[in-house]
Structure formats: structure tokens, C-alpha cells
């Protein structure tokens, strides 16, 4: 499966709305709104989702069924985080949109 990028506003909203956990993280943890997102890249080969704003990229890559590599909001460094709901959400997004 190839990487697929989505920059259409309606498609971005559709993808984000598939996961309440992802939507919550973007809004409350990373302090970005849906209007800030300029594109979403879904990588079916590596099972990851990249969410891009004008200035920042947020990567979400599940590791198994319970952990996700994602950006620490305080340090900005990618780290392994226990979040089974997000891991499943990313697998679902990749499955549906890649």
C-alpha cells in the first residue's frame, strides 16, 4: 500500500472524526483545532498517520495493540506511550483510508 495524502478539508474532518481519542488528543493535548490541519498522510505500509499543520507534524504509529509512538506535548520528542484506544484508532484509519 502506498502513502496517501489528504488535503481536502471535508476528508480531513471525516478522518479525524473516526476516532474520538485522536480528536481529543489533537484538541486538548496538542492544542490544535481541525482548522489548523492542512493535510493528513496515511501510510499503509508502516501503519502510521501523520497530521500536518502549517508549522508542525504529528506522527502516530502504533506498536502492537496497546502502545503508540507519538510526540510528547512537553518535550516535542517522539516517545512510546501506552494508549490502546489510540493504537486501535490508528489501525482503523490506516485500514479504511490507505
PDB file of N, CA and C in Angstrom:
ATOM      1  N   UNK A   1       0.839  -1.184   0.000  1.00  0.00           N
ATOM      2  CA  UNK A   1       0.000   0.000   0.000  1.00  0.00           C
ATOM      3  C   UNK A   1       0.884   1.247   0.000  1.00  0.00           C
ATOM      4  N   UNK A   2       0.509   2.200  -0.776  1.00  0.00           N
ATOM      5  CA  UNK A   2       1.275   3.439  -0.849  1.00  0.00           C
ATOM      6  C   UNK A   2       0.772   4.448   0.185  1.00  0.00           C
ATOM      7  N   UNK A   3       1.613   5.450   0.411  1.00  0.00           N
ATOM      8  CA  UNK A   3       1.180   6.565   1.257  1.00  0.00           C
ATOM      9  C   UNK A   3       0.118   7.343   0.502  1.00  0.00           C
ATOM     10  N   UNK A   4      -0.895   7.770   1.234  1.00  0.00           N
ATOM     11  CA  UNK A   4      -1.942   8.592   0.633  1.00  0.00           C
ATOM     12  C   UNK A   4      -2.076   9.854   1.471  1.00  0.00           C
ATOM     13  N   UNK A   5      -2.045  10.997   0.787  1.00  0.00           N
ATOM     14  CA  UNK A   5      -2.185  12.289   1.470  1.00  0.00           C
ATOM     15  C   UNK A   5      -3.562  12.860   1.183  1.00  0.00           C
ATOM     16  N   UNK A   6      -4.147  13.420   2.222  1.00  0.00           N
ATOM     17  CA  UNK A   6      -5.455  14.056   2.098  1.00  0.00           C
ATOM     18  C   UNK A   6      -5.316  15.516   2.520  1.00  0.00           C
ATOM     19  N   UNK A   7      -5.708  16.429   1.645  1.00  0.00           N
ATOM     20  CA  UNK A   7      -5.667  17.845   1.992  1.00  0.00           C
ATOM     21  C   UNK A   7      -7.035  18.510   1.863  1.00  0.00           C
ATOM     22  N   UNK A   8      -8.010  17.748   1.392  1.00  0.00           N
ATOM     23  CA  UNK A   8      -9.377  18.250   1.301  1.00  0.00           C
ATOM     24  C   UNK A   8      -9.960  18.407   2.707  1.00  0.00           C
ATOM     25  N   UNK A   9     -10.482  19.568   3.011  1.00  0.00           N
ATOM     26  CA  UNK A   9     -10.990  19.899   4.341  1.00  0.00           C
ATOM     27  C   UNK A   9     -12.035  18.888   4.815  1.00  0.00           C
ATOM     28  N   UNK A  10     -12.970  18.523   3.956  1.00  0.00           N
ATOM     29  CA  UNK A  10     -14.021  17.576   4.350  1.00  0.00           C
ATOM     30  C   UNK A  10     -13.448  16.193   4.667  1.00  0.00           C
ATOM     31  N   UNK A  11     -12.451  15.758   3.892  1.00  0.00           N
ATOM     32  CA  UNK A  11     -11.841  14.449   4.124  1.00  0.00           C
ATOM     33  C   UNK A  11     -11.032  14.466   5.424  1.00  0.00           C
ATOM     34  N   UNK A  12     -10.352  15.571   5.707  1.00  0.00           N
ATOM     35  CA  UNK A  12      -9.596  15.702   6.961  1.00  0.00           C
ATOM     36  C   UNK A  12     -10.544  15.577   8.147  1.00  0.00           C
ATOM     37  N   UNK A  13     -11.640  16.286   8.105  1.00  0.00           N
ATOM     38  CA  UNK A  13     -12.627  16.233   9.192  1.00  0.00           C
ATOM     39  C   UNK A  13     -13.195  14.822   9.318  1.00  0.00           C
ATOM     40  N   UNK A  14     -13.488  14.184   8.195  1.00  0.00           N
ATOM     41  CA  UNK A  14     -14.011  12.815   8.214  1.00  0.00           C
ATOM     42  C   UNK A  14     -13.032  11.856   8.889  1.00  0.00           C
ATOM     43  N   UNK A  15     -11.753  11.961   8.541  1.00  0.00           N
ATOM     44  CA  UNK A  15     -10.745  11.060   9.111  1.00  0.00           C
ATOM     45  C   UNK A  15     -10.599  11.297  10.607  1.00  0.00           C
ATOM     46  N   UNK A  16     -10.486  12.547  11.017  1.00  0.00           N
ATOM     47  CA  UNK A  16     -10.323  12.862  12.444  1.00  0.00           C
ATOM     48  C   UNK A  16     -11.545  12.423  13.236  1.00  0.00           C
ATOM     49  N   UNK A  17     -12.717  12.583  12.666  1.00  0.00           N
ATOM     50  CA  UNK A  17     -13.951  12.221  13.367  1.00  0.00           C
ATOM     51  C   UNK A  17     -14.154  10.717  13.503  1.00  0.00           C
ATOM     52  N   UNK A  18     -13.326   9.906  12.852  1.00  0.00           N
ATOM     53  CA  UNK A  18     -13.453   8.457  13.023  1.00  0.00           C
ATOM     54  C   UNK A  18     -12.962   8.009  14.394  1.00  0.00           C
ATOM     55  N   UNK A  19     -12.196   8.866  15.075  1.00  0.00           N
ATOM     56  CA  UNK A  19     -11.653   8.495  16.382  1.00  0.00           C
ATOM     57  C   UNK A  19     -11.823   9.632  17.388  1.00  0.00           C
ATOM     58  N   UNK A  20     -12.663   9.399  18.370  1.00  0.00           N
ATOM     59  CA  UNK A  20     -12.829  10.414  19.413  1.00  0.00           C
ATOM     60  C   UNK A  20     -11.544  10.582  20.220  1.00  0.00           C
ATOM     61  N   UNK A  21     -10.758   9.509  20.354  1.00  0.00           N
ATOM     62  CA  UNK A  21      -9.495   9.597  21.099  1.00  0.00           C
ATOM     63  C   UNK A  21      -8.488  10.485  20.371  1.00  0.00           C
ATOM     64  N   UNK A  22      -8.343  10.312  19.063  1.00  0.00           N
ATOM     65  CA  UNK A  22      -7.441  11.147  18.273  1.00  0.00           C
ATOM     66  C   UNK A  22      -7.901  12.596  18.284  1.00  0.00           C
ATOM     67  N   UNK A  23      -9.183  12.806  18.134  1.00  0.00           N
ATOM     68  CA  UNK A  23      -9.737  14.162  18.141  1.00  0.00           C
ATOM     69  C   UNK A  23      -9.467  14.844  19.484  1.00  0.00           C
ATOM     70  N   UNK A  24      -9.646  14.113  20.574  1.00  0.00           N
ATOM     71  CA  UNK A  24      -9.381  14.649  21.914  1.00  0.00           C
ATOM     72  C   UNK A  24      -7.909  15.039  22.067  1.00  0.00           C
ATOM     73  N   UNK A  25      -7.002  14.155  21.653  1.00  0.00           N
ATOM     74  CA  UNK A  25      -5.566  14.446  21.768  1.00  0.00           C
ATOM     75  C   UNK A  25      -5.182  15.698  20.988  1.00  0.00           C
ATOM     76  N   UNK A  26      -5.675  15.800  19.767  1.00  0.00           N
ATOM     77  CA  UNK A  26      -5.336  16.966  18.959  1.00  0.00           C
ATOM     78  C   UNK A  26      -5.834  18.251  19.602  1.00  0.00           C
ATOM     79  N   UNK A  27      -7.073  18.212  20.078  1.00  0.00           N
ATOM     80  CA  UNK A  27      -7.680  19.420  20.619  1.00  0.00           C
ATOM     81  C   UNK A  27      -7.133  19.796  21.993  1.00  0.00           C
ATOM     82  N   UNK A  28      -7.050  18.847  22.910  1.00  0.00           N
ATOM     83  CA  UNK A  28      -6.718  19.180  24.293  1.00  0.00           C
ATOM     84  C   UNK A  28      -5.247  18.969  24.660  1.00  0.00           C
ATOM     85  N   UNK A  29      -4.619  17.953  24.096  1.00  0.00           N
ATOM     86  CA  UNK A  29      -3.219  17.697  24.423  1.00  0.00           C
ATOM     87  C   UNK A  29      -2.285  18.561  23.584  1.00  0.00           C
ATOM     88  N   UNK A  30      -2.554  18.626  22.274  1.00  0.00           N
ATOM     89  CA  UNK A  30      -1.677  19.381  21.382  1.00  0.00           C
ATOM     90  C   UNK A  30      -2.186  20.793  21.071  1.00  0.00           C
ATOM     91  N   UNK A  31      -3.381  21.096  21.517  1.00  0.00           N
ATOM     92  CA  UNK A  31      -3.959  22.437  21.356  1.00  0.00           C
ATOM     93  C   UNK A  31      -4.074  22.871  19.891  1.00  0.00           C
ATOM     94  N   UNK A  32      -4.510  21.953  19.023  1.00  0.00           N
ATOM     95  CA  UNK A  32      -4.755  22.338  17.634  1.00  0.00           C
ATOM     96  C   UNK A  32      -6.208  22.023  17.280  1.00  0.00           C
ATOM     97  N   UNK A  33      -6.778  22.851  16.442  1.00  0.00           N
ATOM     98  CA  UNK A  33      -8.156  22.643  16.016  1.00  0.00           C
ATOM     99  C   UNK A  33      -8.161  21.974  14.645  1.00  0.00           C
ATOM    100  N   UNK A  34      -9.300  21.507  14.231  1.00  0.00           N
ATOM    101  CA  UNK A  34      -9.414  20.896  12.915  1.00  0.00           C
ATOM    102  C   UNK A  34      -9.055  21.888  11.816  1.00  0.00           C
ATOM    103  N   UNK A  35      -9.305  23.170  12.054  1.00  0.00           N
ATOM    104  CA  UNK A  35      -8.984  24.196  11.066  1.00  0.00           C
ATOM    105  C   UNK A  35      -7.482  24.391  10.895  1.00  0.00           C
ATOM    106  N   UNK A  36      -6.685  24.000  11.892  1.00  0.00           N
ATOM    107  CA  UNK A  36      -5.229  24.128  11.816  1.00  0.00           C
ATOM    108  C   UNK A  36      -4.591  23.047  10.948  1.00  0.00           C
ATOM    109  N   UNK A  37      -5.303  21.954  10.727  1.00  0.00           N
ATOM    110  CA  UNK A  37      -4.744  20.821   9.988  1.00  0.00           C
ATOM    111  C   UNK A  37      -4.809  21.100   8.491  1.00  0.00           C
ATOM    112  N   UNK A  38      -3.646  20.999   7.824  1.00  0.00           N
ATOM    113  CA  UNK A  38      -3.594  21.248   6.381  1.00  0.00           C
ATOM    114  C   UNK A  38      -3.562  19.950   5.574  1.00  0.00           C
ATOM    115  N   UNK A  39      -3.086  18.864   6.181  1.00  0.00           N
ATOM    116  CA  UNK A  39      -3.095  17.581   5.477  1.00  0.00           C
ATOM    117  C   UNK A  39      -2.920  16.425   6.464  1.00  0.00           C
ATOM    118  N   UNK A  40      -3.355  15.268   6.011  1.00  0.00           N
ATOM    119  CA  UNK A  40      -3.161  14.020   6.752  1.00  0.00           C
ATOM    120  C   UNK A  40      -2.568  13.016   5.773  1.00  0.00           C
ATOM    121  N   UNK A  41      -1.496  12.354   6.199  1.00  0.00           N
ATOM    122  CA  UNK A  41      -0.871  11.323   5.374  1.00  0.00           C
ATOM    123  C   UNK A  41      -1.061   9.981   6.073  1.00  0.00           C
ATOM    124  N   UNK A  42      -1.624   9.040   5.345  1.00  0.00           N
ATOM    125  CA  UNK A  42      -1.858   7.697   5.863  1.00  0.00           C
ATOM    126  C   UNK A  42      -0.894   6.751   5.157  1.00  0.00           C
ATOM    127  N   UNK A  43      -0.065   6.068   5.935  1.00  0.00           N
ATOM    128  CA  UNK A  43       0.949   5.156   5.403  1.00  0.00           C
ATOM    129  C   UNK A  43       0.509   3.725   5.677  1.00  0.00           C
ATOM    130  N   UNK A  44       0.039   3.055   4.643  1.00  0.00           N
ATOM    131  CA  UNK A  44      -0.451   1.690   4.789  1.00  0.00           C
ATOM    132  C   UNK A  44       0.647   0.659   4.947  1.00  0.00           C
ATOM    133  N   UNK A  45       1.863   0.960   4.471  1.00  0.00           N
ATOM    134  CA  UNK A  45       2.975   0.020   4.599  1.00  0.00           C
ATOM    135  C   UNK A  45       3.516  -0.033   6.017  1.00  0.00           C
ATOM    136  N   UNK A  46       3.582   1.114   6.672  1.00  0.00           N
ATOM    137  CA  UNK A  46       4.177   1.208   8.006  1.00  0.00           C
ATOM    138  C   UNK A  46       3.162   1.451   9.111  1.00  0.00           C
ATOM    139  N   UNK A  47       1.888   1.445   8.779  1.00  0.00           N
ATOM    140  CA  UNK A  47       0.808   1.655   9.746  1.00  0.00           C
ATOM    141  C   UNK A  47       1.072   2.889  10.603  1.00  0.00           C
ATOM    142  N   UNK A  48       1.076   4.049   9.952  1.00  0.00           N
ATOM    143  CA  UNK A  48       1.228   5.291  10.697  1.00  0.00           C
ATOM    144  C   UNK A  48       0.392   6.369  10.047  1.00  0.00           C
ATOM    145  N   UNK A  49       0.065   7.376  10.846  1.00  0.00           N
ATOM    146  CA  UNK A  49      -0.703   8.521  10.388  1.00  0.00           C
ATOM    147  C   UNK A  49       0.071   9.774  10.777  1.00  0.00           C
ATOM    148  N   UNK A  50       0.301  10.646   9.799  1.00  0.00           N
ATOM    149  CA  UNK A  50       0.949  11.935  10.037  1.00  0.00           C
ATOM    150  C   UNK A  50      -0.085  13.029   9.833  1.00  0.00           C
ATOM    151  N   UNK A  51      -0.184  13.903  10.819  1.00  0.00           N
ATOM    152  CA  UNK A  51      -1.116  15.025  10.749  1.00  0.00           C
ATOM    153  C   UNK A  51      -0.282  16.297  10.701  1.00  0.00           C
ATOM    154  N   UNK A  52      -0.479  17.080   9.651  1.00  0.00           N
ATOM    155  CA  UNK A  52       0.340  18.258   9.410  1.00  0.00           C
ATOM    156  C   UNK A  52      -0.438  19.551   9.587  1.00  0.00           C
ATOM    157  N   UNK A  53       0.173  20.495  10.302  1.00  0.00           N
ATOM    158  CA  UNK A  53      -0.314  21.865  10.348  1.00  0.00           C
ATOM    159  C   UNK A  53       0.665  22.681   9.511  1.00  0.00           C
ATOM    160  N   UNK A  54       0.496  23.987   9.479  1.00  0.00           N
ATOM    161  CA  UNK A  54       1.423  24.835   8.734  1.00  0.00           C
ATOM    162  C   UNK A  54       2.844  24.713   9.270  1.00  0.00           C
ATOM    163  N   UNK A  55       2.993  24.479  10.566  1.00  0.00           N
ATOM    164  CA  UNK A  55       4.313  24.528  11.191  1.00  0.00           C
ATOM    165  C   UNK A  55       4.778  23.222  11.820  1.00  0.00           C
ATOM    166  N   UNK A  56       3.882  22.288  12.058  1.00  0.00           N
ATOM    167  CA  UNK A  56       4.229  21.097  12.834  1.00  0.00           C
ATOM    168  C   UNK A  56       3.640  19.839  12.215  1.00  0.00           C
ATOM    169  N   UNK A  57       4.341  18.716  12.424  1.00  0.00           N
ATOM    170  CA  UNK A  57       3.838  17.421  12.004  1.00  0.00           C
ATOM    171  C   UNK A  57       3.691  16.546  13.250  1.00  0.00           C
ATOM    172  N   UNK A  58       2.556  15.893  13.373  1.00  0.00           N
ATOM    173  CA  UNK A  58       2.283  14.980  14.473  1.00  0.00           C
ATOM    174  C   UNK A  58       2.201  13.575  13.896  1.00  0.00           C
ATOM    175  N   UNK A  59       3.035  12.679  14.387  1.00  0.00           N
ATOM    176  CA  UNK A  59       3.061  11.299  13.902  1.00  0.00           C
ATOM    177  C   UNK A  59       2.464  10.381  14.961  1.00  0.00           C
ATOM    178  N   UNK A  60       1.635   9.446  14.510  1.00  0.00           N
ATOM    179  CA  UNK A  60       1.037   8.447  15.374  1.00  0.00           C
ATOM    180  C   UNK A  60       1.287   7.084  14.734  1.00  0.00           C
ATOM    181  N   UNK A  61       2.065   6.253  15.418  1.00  0.00           N
ATOM    182  CA  UNK A  61       2.428   4.936  14.892  1.00  0.00           C
ATOM    183  C   UNK A  61       2.240   3.896  15.989  1.00  0.00           C
ATOM    184  N   UNK A  62       1.239   3.034  15.830  1.00  0.00           N
ATOM    185  CA  UNK A  62       1.012   2.001  16.849  1.00  0.00           C
ATOM    186  C   UNK A  62       2.159   0.997  16.896  1.00  0.00           C
ATOM    187  N   UNK A  63       2.415   0.528  18.097  1.00  0.00           N
ATOM    188  CA  UNK A  63       3.386  -0.541  18.338  1.00  0.00           C
ATOM    189  C   UNK A  63       2.636  -1.631  19.086  1.00  0.00           C
ATOM    190  N   UNK A  64       2.147  -2.596  18.359  1.00  0.00           N
ATOM    191  CA  UNK A  64       1.307  -3.617  18.975  1.00  0.00           C
ATOM    192  C   UNK A  64      -0.102  -3.079  19.155  1.00  0.00           C
ATOM    193  N   UNK A  65      -0.802  -3.626  20.130  1.00  0.00           N
ATOM    194  CA  UNK A  65      -2.201  -3.243  20.340  1.00  0.00           C
ATOM    195  C   UNK A  65      -2.400  -2.232  21.460  1.00  0.00           C
ATOM    196  N   UNK A  66      -1.350  -1.906  22.203  1.00  0.00           N
ATOM    197  CA  UNK A  66      -1.530  -1.046  23.369  1.00  0.00           C
ATOM    198  C   UNK A  66      -0.670   0.206  23.380  1.00  0.00           C
ATOM    199  N   UNK A  67       0.356   0.289  22.550  1.00  0.00           N
ATOM    200  CA  UNK A  67       1.284   1.415  22.600  1.00  0.00           C
ATOM    201  C   UNK A  67       1.308   2.157  21.274  1.00  0.00           C
ATOM    202  N   UNK A  68       1.633   3.438  21.358  1.00  0.00           N
ATOM    203  CA  UNK A  68       1.717   4.290  20.179  1.00  0.00           C
ATOM    204  C   UNK A  68       2.961   5.163  20.307  1.00  0.00           C
ATOM    205  N   UNK A  69       3.717   5.266  19.213  1.00  0.00           N
ATOM    206  CA  UNK A  69       4.787   6.256  19.169  1.00  0.00           C
ATOM    207  C   UNK A  69       4.138   7.571  18.771  1.00  0.00           C
ATOM    208  N   UNK A  70       4.298   8.572  19.636  1.00  0.00           N
ATOM    209  CA  UNK A  70       3.681   9.875  19.391  1.00  0.00           C
ATOM    210  C   UNK A  70       4.508  10.959  20.067  1.00  0.00           C
ATOM    211  N   UNK A  71       4.268  12.202  19.674  1.00  0.00           N
ATOM    212  CA  UNK A  71       5.038  13.322  20.183  1.00  0.00           C
ATOM    213  C   UNK A  71       4.630  13.658  21.614  1.00  0.00           C
ATOM    214  N   UNK A  72       5.631  13.776  22.479  1.00  0.00           N
ATOM    215  CA  UNK A  72       5.386  14.243  23.838  1.00  0.00           C
ATOM    216  C   UNK A  72       5.047  15.725  23.760  1.00  0.00           C
ATOM    217  N   UNK A  73       3.890  16.156  24.277  1.00  0.00           N
ATOM    218  CA  UNK A  73       3.493  17.558  24.140  1.00  0.00           C
ATOM    219  C   UNK A  73       4.414  18.544  24.876  1.00  0.00           C
ATOM    220  N   UNK A  74       5.132  18.075  25.888  1.00  0.00           N
ATOM    221  CA  UNK A  74       6.007  18.977  26.648  1.00  0.00           C
ATOM    222  C   UNK A  74       7.398  19.084  26.027  1.00  0.00           C
ATOM    223  N   UNK A  75       7.944  17.964  25.557  1.00  0.00           N
ATOM    224  CA  UNK A  75       9.311  17.981  25.025  1.00  0.00           C
ATOM    225  C   UNK A  75       9.365  18.034  23.511  1.00  0.00           C
ATOM    226  N   UNK A  76       8.301  17.610  22.848  1.00  0.00           N
ATOM    227  CA  UNK A  76       8.286  17.578  21.399  1.00  0.00           C
ATOM    228  C   UNK A  76       8.998  16.366  20.811  1.00  0.00           C
ATOM    229  N   UNK A  77       9.445  15.457  21.657  1.00  0.00           N
ATOM    230  CA  UNK A  77      10.181  14.281  21.226  1.00  0.00           C
ATOM    231  C   UNK A  77       9.214  13.101  21.072  1.00  0.00           C
ATOM    232  N   UNK A  78       9.431  12.300  20.028  1.00  0.00           N
ATOM    233  CA  UNK A  78       8.616  11.099  19.870  1.00  0.00           C
ATOM    234  C   UNK A  78       8.936  10.117  20.980  1.00  0.00           C
ATOM    235  N   UNK A  79       7.876   9.525  21.541  1.00  0.00           N
ATOM    236  CA  UNK A  79       8.072   8.557  22.611  1.00  0.00           C
ATOM    237  C   UNK A  79       6.989   7.497  22.537  1.00  0.00           C
ATOM    238  N   UNK A  80       7.273   6.349  23.116  1.00  0.00           N
ATOM    239  CA  UNK A  80       6.319   5.256  23.191  1.00  0.00           C
ATOM    240  C   UNK A  80       5.366   5.526  24.345  1.00  0.00           C
ATOM    241  N   UNK A  81       4.071   5.543  24.039  1.00  0.00           N
ATOM    242  CA  UNK A  81       3.056   5.881  25.033  1.00  0.00           C
ATOM    243  C   UNK A  81       2.005   4.781  25.081  1.00  0.00           C
ATOM    244  N   UNK A  82       1.606   4.390  26.295  1.00  0.00           N
ATOM    245  CA  UNK A  82       0.539   3.413  26.464  1.00  0.00           C
ATOM    246  C   UNK A  82      -0.792   4.090  26.154  1.00  0.00           C
ATOM    247  N   UNK A  83      -1.459   3.667  25.078  1.00  0.00           N
ATOM    248  CA  UNK A  83      -2.748   4.241  24.690  1.00  0.00           C
ATOM    249  C   UNK A  83      -3.464   3.261  23.756  1.00  0.00           C
ATOM    250  N   UNK A  84      -4.080   2.209  24.331  1.00  0.00           N
ATOM    251  CA  UNK A  84      -4.726   1.186  23.497  1.00  0.00           C
ATOM    252  C   UNK A  84      -5.824   1.736  22.585  1.00  0.00           C
ATOM    253  N   UNK A  85      -6.578   2.719  23.053  1.00  0.00           N
ATOM    254  CA  UNK A  85      -7.655   3.285  22.233  1.00  0.00           C
ATOM    255  C   UNK A  85      -7.088   3.982  20.997  1.00  0.00           C
ATOM    256  N   UNK A  86      -6.006   4.711  21.169  1.00  0.00           N
ATOM    257  CA  UNK A  86      -5.385   5.396  20.034  1.00  0.00           C
ATOM    258  C   UNK A  86      -4.737   4.389  19.076  1.00  0.00           C
ATOM    259  N   UNK A  87      -4.085   3.375  19.618  1.00  0.00           N
ATOM    260  CA  UNK A  87      -3.474   2.361  18.757  1.00  0.00           C
ATOM    261  C   UNK A  87      -4.530   1.736  17.853  1.00  0.00           C
ATOM    262  N   UNK A  88      -5.651   1.352  18.410  1.00  0.00           N
ATOM    263  CA  UNK A  88      -6.722   0.750  17.611  1.00  0.00           C
ATOM    264  C   UNK A  88      -7.278   1.745  16.602  1.00  0.00           C
ATOM    265  N   UNK A  89      -7.409   3.001  17.000  1.00  0.00           N
ATOM    266  CA  UNK A  89      -7.920   4.035  16.100  1.00  0.00           C
ATOM    267  C   UNK A  89      -7.005   4.218  14.892  1.00  0.00           C
ATOM    268  N   UNK A  90      -5.700   4.218  15.129  1.00  0.00           N
ATOM    269  CA  UNK A  90      -4.757   4.393  14.018  1.00  0.00           C
ATOM    270  C   UNK A  90      -4.834   3.193  13.073  1.00  0.00           C
ATOM    271  N   UNK A  91      -4.902   1.979  13.621  1.00  0.00           N
ATOM    272  CA  UNK A  91      -5.068   0.800  12.766  1.00  0.00           C
ATOM    273  C   UNK A  91      -6.348   0.916  11.927  1.00  0.00           C
ATOM    274  N   UNK A  92      -7.429   1.384  12.540  1.00  0.00           N
ATOM    275  CA  UNK A  92      -8.693   1.536  11.814  1.00  0.00           C
ATOM    276  C   UNK A  92      -8.593   2.573  10.693  1.00  0.00           C
ATOM    277  N   UNK A  93      -7.931   3.704  10.986  1.00  0.00           N
ATOM    278  CA  UNK A  93      -7.768   4.759   9.966  1.00  0.00           C
ATOM    279  C   UNK A  93      -6.939   4.235   8.801  1.00  0.00           C
ATOM    280  N   UNK A  94      -5.833   3.567   9.104  1.00  0.00           N
ATOM    281  CA  UNK A  94      -4.981   3.026   8.044  1.00  0.00           C
ATOM    282  C   UNK A  94      -5.754   2.007   7.228  1.00  0.00           C
ATOM    283  N   UNK A  95      -6.499   1.147   7.895  1.00  0.00           N
ATOM    284  CA  UNK A  95      -7.276   0.113   7.206  1.00  0.00           C
ATOM    285  C   UNK A  95      -8.326   0.740   6.271  1.00  0.00           C
ATOM    286  N   UNK A  96      -8.960   1.795   6.723  1.00  0.00           N
ATOM    287  CA  UNK A  96     -10.043   2.403   5.947  1.00  0.00           C
ATOM    288  C   UNK A  96      -9.567   3.353   4.863  1.00  0.00           C
ATOM    289  N   UNK A  97      -8.462   4.087   5.098  1.00  0.00           N
ATOM    290  CA  UNK A  97      -8.078   5.160   4.178  1.00  0.00           C
ATOM    291  C   UNK A  97      -6.808   4.899   3.367  1.00  0.00           C
ATOM    292  N   UNK A  98      -6.085   3.824   3.662  1.00  0.00           N
ATOM    293  CA  UNK A  98      -4.847   3.566   2.885  1.00  0.00           C
ATOM    294  C   UNK A  98      -5.143   2.688   1.690  1.00  0.00           C
TER     295      UNK A  98
END
